Protein backbone atom coordinates (compact mmCIF):
# COMPACT_ATOMS: atom_id res chain seq x y z
CA UNK A 1 154.10 96.84 59.35
CA UNK A 2 155.58 98.63 62.45
CA UNK A 3 152.10 100.46 62.72
CA UNK A 4 150.39 97.30 62.32
CA UNK A 5 152.25 95.69 65.46
CA UNK A 6 151.42 98.90 67.38
CA UNK A 7 147.85 98.62 66.93
CA UNK A 8 147.43 94.84 68.06
CA UNK A 9 149.53 95.83 70.85
CA UNK A 10 147.16 98.43 71.96
CA UNK A 11 144.18 96.04 71.42
CA UNK A 12 145.79 93.31 73.63
CA UNK A 13 146.59 95.76 76.28
CA UNK A 14 143.02 97.07 76.26
CA UNK A 15 141.52 93.69 76.61
CA UNK A 16 143.93 92.68 79.62
CA UNK A 17 142.87 95.78 81.42
CA UNK A 18 139.07 95.11 80.80
CA UNK A 19 139.32 91.36 81.96
CA UNK A 20 141.23 92.58 85.22
CA UNK A 21 138.60 95.34 86.05
CA UNK A 22 135.54 92.89 85.19
CA UNK A 23 137.34 90.09 87.74
CA UNK A 24 137.38 92.75 90.35
CA UNK A 25 133.57 93.71 89.93
CA UNK A 26 131.31 92.23 92.62
CA UNK A 27 127.94 90.70 91.39
CA UNK A 28 125.16 93.01 91.70
CA UNK A 29 122.69 91.49 94.38
CA UNK A 30 119.09 91.87 93.49
CA UNK A 31 116.54 92.61 96.40
CA UNK A 32 113.96 90.38 96.96
CA UNK A 33 111.93 92.80 98.95
CA UNK A 34 108.99 94.38 96.72
CA UNK A 35 108.71 98.07 96.49
CA UNK A 36 106.44 99.82 98.83
CA UNK A 37 103.64 101.78 97.23
CA UNK A 38 103.17 105.33 98.47
CA UNK A 39 99.54 104.47 99.41
CA UNK A 40 100.78 101.93 101.70
CA UNK A 41 103.77 103.90 103.38
CA UNK A 42 103.30 103.87 106.95
CA UNK A 43 106.76 105.15 108.62
CA UNK A 44 107.26 104.49 112.40
CA UNK A 45 109.33 107.57 113.66
CA UNK A 46 112.44 106.67 115.72
CA UNK A 47 112.24 109.94 117.58
CA UNK A 48 112.33 109.71 121.48
CA UNK A 49 110.92 112.91 122.71
CA UNK A 50 108.73 113.93 125.63
CA UNK A 51 105.11 113.13 125.25
CA UNK A 52 102.37 114.97 127.08
CA UNK A 53 98.89 113.33 127.30
CA UNK A 54 96.01 115.84 127.44
CA UNK A 55 92.53 114.54 127.89
CA UNK A 56 90.84 117.72 127.82
CA UNK A 57 91.38 121.49 127.22
CA UNK A 58 92.52 123.70 129.94
CA UNK A 59 89.55 125.74 130.00
CA UNK A 60 85.86 125.13 128.94
CA UNK A 61 85.72 125.54 125.21
CA UNK A 62 83.15 126.67 122.36
CA UNK A 63 83.72 124.64 119.33
CA UNK A 64 82.56 127.10 116.72
CA UNK A 65 82.52 124.79 113.59
CA UNK A 66 80.73 121.43 113.79
CA UNK A 67 78.71 119.33 111.44
CA UNK A 68 75.97 117.28 113.23
CA UNK A 69 73.99 116.09 110.32
CA UNK A 70 76.97 115.38 108.09
CA UNK A 71 78.50 113.26 110.49
CA UNK A 72 75.77 111.93 112.96
CA UNK A 73 73.14 111.59 110.16
CA UNK A 74 70.12 112.19 112.76
CA UNK A 75 71.21 109.66 115.37
CA UNK A 76 70.29 110.52 118.90
CA UNK A 77 72.34 107.78 120.35
CA UNK A 78 75.51 109.26 118.86
CA UNK A 79 74.32 112.60 119.67
CA UNK A 80 74.24 111.79 123.43
CA UNK A 81 77.49 109.91 123.04
CA UNK A 82 78.95 113.08 121.76
CA UNK A 83 77.79 115.14 124.51
CA UNK A 84 79.57 112.66 126.88
CA UNK A 85 82.64 113.22 124.85
CA UNK A 86 82.15 117.08 125.07
CA UNK A 87 82.05 116.51 128.99
CA UNK A 88 85.24 114.55 129.02
CA UNK A 89 87.09 117.15 126.79
CA UNK A 90 85.56 120.19 128.64
CA UNK A 91 83.91 121.43 125.42
CA UNK A 92 80.77 123.53 126.90
CA UNK A 93 79.20 124.24 123.61
CA UNK A 94 79.16 123.02 120.19
CA UNK A 95 78.17 125.38 117.33
CA UNK A 96 76.42 123.21 114.39
CA UNK A 97 76.76 124.30 110.81
CA UNK A 98 74.09 122.05 109.48
CA UNK A 99 70.64 123.80 109.75
CA UNK A 100 69.12 124.97 106.48
CA UNK A 101 66.92 127.97 106.47
CA UNK A 102 63.28 127.03 106.85
CA UNK A 103 61.76 123.71 108.08
CA UNK A 104 65.32 122.21 108.71
CA UNK A 105 66.08 124.78 111.37
CA UNK A 106 63.25 123.84 113.33
CA UNK A 107 64.07 120.05 112.95
CA UNK A 108 67.79 120.62 113.82
CA UNK A 109 66.77 122.65 116.98
CA UNK A 110 64.80 119.66 118.17
CA UNK A 111 67.46 117.16 117.45
CA UNK A 112 70.07 119.19 119.16
CA UNK A 113 68.70 121.22 121.84
CA UNK A 114 65.45 119.81 122.96
CA UNK A 115 67.55 117.16 125.16
CA UNK A 116 70.52 119.41 125.63
CA UNK A 117 69.36 123.15 125.28
CA UNK A 118 72.71 124.57 126.63
CA UNK A 119 75.28 122.64 125.14
CA UNK A 120 74.59 123.44 121.17
CA UNK A 121 74.04 126.62 119.01
CA UNK A 122 73.19 126.78 115.47
CA UNK A 123 74.49 128.42 112.20
CA UNK A 124 72.05 128.39 109.46
CA UNK A 125 72.94 127.85 105.83
CA UNK A 126 71.06 128.94 102.65
CA UNK A 127 69.18 126.77 100.35
CA UNK A 128 70.46 127.86 96.77
CA UNK A 129 68.44 125.07 95.14
CA UNK A 130 65.12 125.51 96.60
CA UNK A 131 62.62 123.67 94.34
CA UNK A 132 64.87 123.38 91.40
CA UNK A 133 66.21 120.30 89.88
CA UNK A 134 69.79 119.21 90.07
CA UNK A 135 71.69 119.79 87.05
CA UNK A 136 69.12 122.45 85.71
CA UNK A 137 70.63 125.63 86.96
CA UNK A 138 67.75 127.78 85.58
CA UNK A 139 65.48 126.17 87.80
CA UNK A 140 67.46 126.79 90.90
CA UNK A 141 66.02 129.25 93.52
CA UNK A 142 69.26 131.20 93.34
CA UNK A 143 68.86 132.44 89.89
CA UNK A 144 65.54 133.81 90.54
CA UNK A 145 65.53 137.97 90.77
CA UNK A 146 63.93 138.17 94.37
CA UNK A 147 66.24 135.47 95.76
CA UNK A 148 68.58 137.70 98.02
CA UNK A 149 65.47 139.87 99.23
CA UNK A 150 63.61 136.45 100.38
CA UNK A 151 67.07 134.93 101.98
CA UNK A 152 67.55 138.49 104.04
CA UNK A 153 63.76 138.07 105.34
CA UNK A 154 64.44 134.25 106.20
CA UNK A 155 67.39 135.44 108.08
CA UNK A 156 65.32 137.82 110.23
CA UNK A 157 62.94 135.00 110.77
CA UNK A 158 65.94 132.58 111.71
CA UNK A 159 67.39 134.88 114.21
CA UNK A 160 64.21 135.26 116.00
CA UNK A 161 63.80 131.41 116.29
CA UNK A 162 67.47 131.19 117.81
CA UNK A 163 70.13 131.28 114.81
CA UNK A 164 73.26 132.76 115.96
CA UNK A 165 75.19 132.81 112.65
CA UNK A 166 75.19 131.93 109.00
CA UNK A 167 77.24 129.30 107.34
CA UNK A 168 78.44 129.44 103.54
CA UNK A 169 80.05 126.22 102.32
CA UNK A 170 82.68 126.00 99.45
CA UNK A 171 80.12 124.93 97.01
CA UNK A 172 79.22 128.67 96.82
CA UNK A 173 81.81 129.66 94.34
CA UNK A 174 82.95 126.27 93.33
CA UNK A 175 79.90 124.37 92.54
CA UNK A 176 76.50 126.43 92.20
CA UNK A 177 75.99 127.86 88.93
CA UNK A 178 74.22 130.70 87.25
CA UNK A 179 71.49 130.17 84.74
CA UNK A 180 74.13 130.22 81.96
CA UNK A 181 76.19 127.75 83.40
CA UNK A 182 79.01 129.81 84.74
CA UNK A 183 79.96 129.40 88.34
CA UNK A 184 78.49 131.80 90.83
CA UNK A 185 80.83 134.38 91.94
CA UNK A 186 81.27 135.02 96.00
CA UNK A 187 81.27 138.74 95.30
CA UNK A 188 78.50 138.85 92.89
CA UNK A 189 76.57 142.13 93.76
CA UNK A 190 73.38 140.08 93.66
CA UNK A 191 74.13 138.73 97.24
CA UNK A 192 74.66 142.16 98.63
CA UNK A 193 71.35 142.04 100.55
CA UNK A 194 72.39 138.87 102.21
CA UNK A 195 75.70 140.29 103.58
CA UNK A 196 73.81 143.64 104.63
CA UNK A 197 71.17 141.79 106.57
CA UNK A 198 73.73 139.58 108.35
CA UNK A 199 75.28 142.93 109.53
CA UNK A 200 72.09 144.31 110.66
CA UNK A 201 70.99 141.24 112.49
CA UNK A 202 74.47 140.55 114.00
CA UNK A 203 74.72 137.21 112.45
CA UNK A 204 78.41 136.29 112.05
CA UNK A 205 79.15 134.83 108.53
CA UNK A 206 81.30 131.86 108.64
CA UNK A 207 82.31 130.89 105.18
CA UNK A 208 84.64 128.17 103.64
CA UNK A 209 85.81 129.54 100.47
CA UNK A 210 88.43 127.39 99.31
CA UNK A 211 90.46 124.34 100.20
CA UNK A 212 94.07 123.75 100.71
CA UNK A 213 96.30 125.37 97.98
CA UNK A 214 97.53 122.17 96.67
CA UNK A 215 93.86 121.06 95.58
CA UNK A 216 94.11 123.81 92.85
CA UNK A 217 97.39 122.38 91.40
CA UNK A 218 98.05 119.41 89.06
CA UNK A 219 98.17 116.00 90.75
CA UNK A 220 101.83 115.30 89.89
CA UNK A 221 104.97 114.41 91.60
CA UNK A 222 105.42 118.11 92.69
CA UNK A 223 102.07 118.15 94.60
CA UNK A 224 102.58 117.49 98.38
CA UNK A 225 99.16 116.32 98.65
CA UNK A 226 99.56 113.83 95.75
CA UNK A 227 98.89 110.66 97.97
CA UNK A 228 95.64 112.55 99.56
CA UNK A 229 94.26 113.53 96.13
CA UNK A 230 95.02 110.08 94.51
CA UNK A 231 92.72 108.78 97.30
CA UNK A 232 90.24 111.62 96.76
CA UNK A 233 90.38 112.92 93.18
CA UNK A 234 86.98 114.55 93.51
CA UNK A 235 88.79 117.07 95.95
CA UNK A 236 91.11 118.40 92.93
CA UNK A 237 89.88 121.93 91.74
CA UNK A 238 92.65 122.26 89.40
CA UNK A 239 91.71 123.14 85.54
CA UNK A 240 89.59 125.65 83.48
CA UNK A 241 86.33 124.47 85.06
CA UNK A 242 87.27 126.01 88.27
CA UNK A 243 88.45 129.47 89.49
CA UNK A 244 91.76 129.64 90.78
CA UNK A 245 93.07 129.72 94.58
CA UNK A 246 93.92 133.32 94.24
CA UNK A 247 91.05 134.29 92.68
CA UNK A 248 88.44 132.66 95.16
CA UNK A 249 90.18 134.28 97.96
CA UNK A 250 90.19 137.65 96.50
CA UNK A 251 86.73 137.59 95.96
CA UNK A 252 85.93 136.77 99.51
CA UNK A 253 88.17 139.76 100.54
CA UNK A 254 86.38 142.05 98.21
CA UNK A 255 83.13 141.16 100.18
CA UNK A 256 84.72 141.49 103.51
CA UNK A 257 85.95 144.96 102.62
CA UNK A 258 82.72 146.07 101.09
CA UNK A 259 80.61 145.19 104.18
CA UNK A 260 82.69 146.35 107.22
CA UNK A 261 79.62 146.02 109.55
CA UNK A 262 79.37 142.43 109.02
CA UNK A 263 81.26 139.98 111.02
CA UNK A 264 83.20 137.38 108.83
CA UNK A 265 84.81 134.33 110.13
CA UNK A 266 87.17 132.68 107.59
CA UNK A 267 86.85 128.88 108.03
CA UNK A 268 89.81 126.72 108.18
CA UNK A 269 92.12 129.80 108.68
CA UNK A 270 90.29 131.78 106.00
CA UNK A 271 91.20 128.50 103.69
CA UNK A 272 95.00 129.82 103.62
CA UNK A 273 96.94 128.30 106.48
CA UNK A 274 99.86 127.63 104.63
CA UNK A 275 100.45 131.29 104.11
CA UNK A 276 99.95 133.19 107.26
CA UNK A 277 101.72 136.14 106.09
CA UNK A 278 99.06 136.73 103.49
CA UNK A 279 96.31 136.04 106.02
CA UNK A 280 97.98 138.70 108.39
CA UNK A 281 97.75 141.27 105.76
CA UNK A 282 93.77 140.34 105.33
CA UNK A 283 93.34 140.66 109.12
CA UNK A 284 95.20 143.92 108.98
CA UNK A 285 93.26 145.54 106.19
CA UNK A 286 89.97 144.27 107.25
CA UNK A 287 89.06 144.58 111.03
CA UNK A 288 85.65 142.86 110.61
CA UNK A 289 87.65 139.37 109.56
CA UNK A 290 88.02 136.62 112.06
CA UNK A 291 89.25 133.17 111.69
CA UNK A 292 88.53 129.51 112.92
CA UNK A 293 90.98 126.58 113.32
CA UNK A 294 88.77 123.82 112.09
CA UNK A 295 90.81 121.01 110.47
CA UNK A 296 93.89 122.92 110.01
CA UNK A 297 96.25 121.94 112.90
CA UNK A 298 97.54 119.75 110.39
CA UNK A 299 98.88 123.00 108.48
CA UNK A 300 99.52 125.10 111.52
CA UNK A 301 101.39 122.59 113.53
CA UNK A 302 104.10 121.96 110.68
CA UNK A 303 105.03 125.66 111.05
CA UNK A 304 105.01 125.90 114.94
CA UNK A 305 107.33 129.25 115.20
CA UNK A 306 105.34 131.06 112.46
CA UNK A 307 102.15 129.86 113.84
CA UNK A 308 102.78 130.82 117.52
CA UNK A 309 103.79 134.51 116.37
CA UNK A 310 100.46 134.48 114.27
CA UNK A 311 98.47 133.35 117.27
CA UNK A 312 100.27 135.70 119.80
CA UNK A 313 99.44 138.92 117.26
CA UNK A 314 95.99 137.67 116.56
CA UNK A 315 94.77 136.38 119.62
CA UNK A 316 91.63 138.64 119.51
CA UNK A 317 90.64 137.27 116.05
CA UNK A 318 90.96 133.56 116.32
CA UNK A 319 88.12 131.27 117.39
CA UNK A 320 88.61 127.48 118.23
CA UNK A 321 86.86 125.04 115.88
CA UNK A 322 87.43 121.53 114.89
CA UNK A 323 85.22 120.54 111.98
CA UNK A 324 83.86 117.60 114.14
CA UNK A 325 82.27 115.95 116.10
CA UNK A 326 85.45 114.11 116.51
CA UNK A 327 86.47 111.24 118.88
CA UNK A 328 88.68 111.83 121.93
CA UNK A 329 91.71 110.73 120.19
CA UNK A 330 91.29 113.57 117.61
CA UNK A 331 90.32 116.50 120.11
CA UNK A 332 93.34 115.49 122.39
CA UNK A 333 95.47 116.36 119.17
CA UNK A 334 94.10 119.96 119.40
CA UNK A 335 94.69 120.25 123.17
CA UNK A 336 98.39 119.12 122.65
CA UNK A 337 98.79 121.52 119.70
CA UNK A 338 97.56 124.59 121.80
CA UNK A 339 98.86 123.93 125.13
CA UNK A 340 102.19 122.13 124.66
CA UNK A 341 105.55 122.23 122.95
CA UNK A 342 105.51 118.46 122.04
CA UNK A 343 107.71 117.79 119.05
CA UNK A 344 106.43 115.59 116.08
CA UNK A 345 103.12 114.03 116.82
CA UNK A 346 100.03 112.93 114.86
CA UNK A 347 97.43 115.73 114.00
CA UNK A 348 94.74 113.03 113.78
CA UNK A 349 93.73 109.49 114.97
CA UNK A 350 93.48 108.31 111.46
CA UNK A 351 95.60 105.98 109.67
CA UNK A 352 98.75 108.08 108.69
CA UNK A 353 98.71 110.24 106.75
CA UNK A 354 95.05 111.56 106.49
CA UNK A 355 96.13 114.52 104.77
CA UNK A 356 99.91 115.51 104.38
CA UNK A 357 102.93 113.45 104.70
CA UNK A 358 103.98 115.14 108.04
CA UNK A 359 103.48 115.37 111.66
CA UNK A 360 103.01 118.50 113.90
CA UNK A 361 104.61 120.53 116.72
CA UNK A 362 102.93 122.19 119.65
CA UNK A 363 102.82 125.98 120.17
CA UNK A 364 102.31 126.33 123.96
CA UNK A 365 99.90 129.44 124.33
CA UNK A 366 99.85 131.44 127.39
CA UNK A 367 96.66 130.91 129.41
CA UNK A 368 95.31 134.54 128.53
CA UNK A 369 95.50 133.57 124.74
CA UNK A 370 94.01 130.21 125.28
CA UNK A 371 90.83 131.73 126.94
CA UNK A 372 90.36 134.02 124.10
CA UNK A 373 90.53 131.33 121.41
CA UNK A 374 88.82 128.65 123.43
CA UNK A 375 85.72 130.88 124.51
CA UNK A 376 86.21 134.59 124.99
CA UNK A 377 86.21 135.71 121.32
CA UNK A 378 83.23 133.78 120.34
CA UNK A 379 81.39 135.04 123.42
CA UNK A 380 82.06 138.54 122.08
CA UNK A 381 81.12 138.17 118.63
CA UNK A 382 77.87 135.88 118.80
CA UNK A 383 74.97 137.46 120.22
CA UNK A 384 73.76 135.52 123.36
CA UNK A 385 76.51 133.26 123.53
CA UNK A 386 78.11 134.74 126.73
CA UNK A 387 75.19 133.92 128.85
CA UNK A 388 74.66 130.57 127.32
CA UNK A 389 78.29 129.77 127.68
CA UNK A 390 78.26 130.48 131.57
CA UNK A 391 75.32 128.14 131.89
CA UNK A 392 76.88 125.28 129.73
CA UNK A 393 80.30 125.72 131.56
CA UNK A 394 78.52 125.38 134.74
CA UNK A 395 76.96 122.02 133.82
CA UNK A 396 80.34 120.53 133.00
CA UNK A 397 81.48 117.71 135.27
CA UNK A 398 84.45 118.41 137.51
CA UNK A 399 87.79 116.96 135.82
CA UNK A 400 89.14 114.34 138.24
């Protein structure tokens, strides 16, 4: 009986304590604010830091990487409008990547150079398909035994016509296929005559061999480009259908090492702007490898200390490029990145975030380094560019 009374007393005590605790709890408030989707997240920075407004670069520049077919679609009005943008920003020469070997080169030269002969230069790209049919890789010209030899001859003709370099797009290694359906390899010995011809003709090879490393990873919560890849799932190269990021870049470096007399310009900081330590090793190992900065200030500017050290060390190996033509607002981001120490500013005029969920910082390069990156390195590497640059720079209007 005493045990029963003890159990009842414990139950009553527990019930009283529970009622007391419950009475002291505040009712949960339910937010009426709906959640914001990541794709709609547009934070406004609360930082109050100095802002440097730059409307042009400090020294007349050569933009080594532009796309006038892809972006202007043959519009002479937009071309002339962009020449005015070049004037305002002190860009002396834009180098177009969009002329294909053959008839396209003639057409592109007329489009760019007939009205503005001193303001443009042209790199040619290779027609891998020829008369072949889409989807039928056995019919593509690149899968014929004499393809590389014929391309080498076309390059000689293109050099005589005024082409000053060769562009390889990322489809070479990520899309184009052999007759059996397997992806073409960058370092396939079949292409050796092409690399050799570029060296003999002094035609620098500007090659886009991969994309940001995150594009080769699963599109999941750990991917820092998650929002971007959700908007552009076609940009993902993750999975068994594609080589890995490391495999692609290793293949490129094997080619660069195999052909030391050929100048290679790794587009977009050799497609590895997130890992400048590794890119440094490539540059140290391959004296014929150079880089351009096209569409990568978004990566470089979020590591300003590392990037500035890198630019200072390899100031003779880096060329200015934008991937444009771009509007004034985008170009001003480049000048601000290269020439100031501004904190935390946009890398693009597009609605934030066009790429990664971050902003960038300036690296304030000294004048002697700016000159090398803006024009001196390009003049040294590209045949005839020095003389063309002098003429083009002389035509630029004085900055008020």
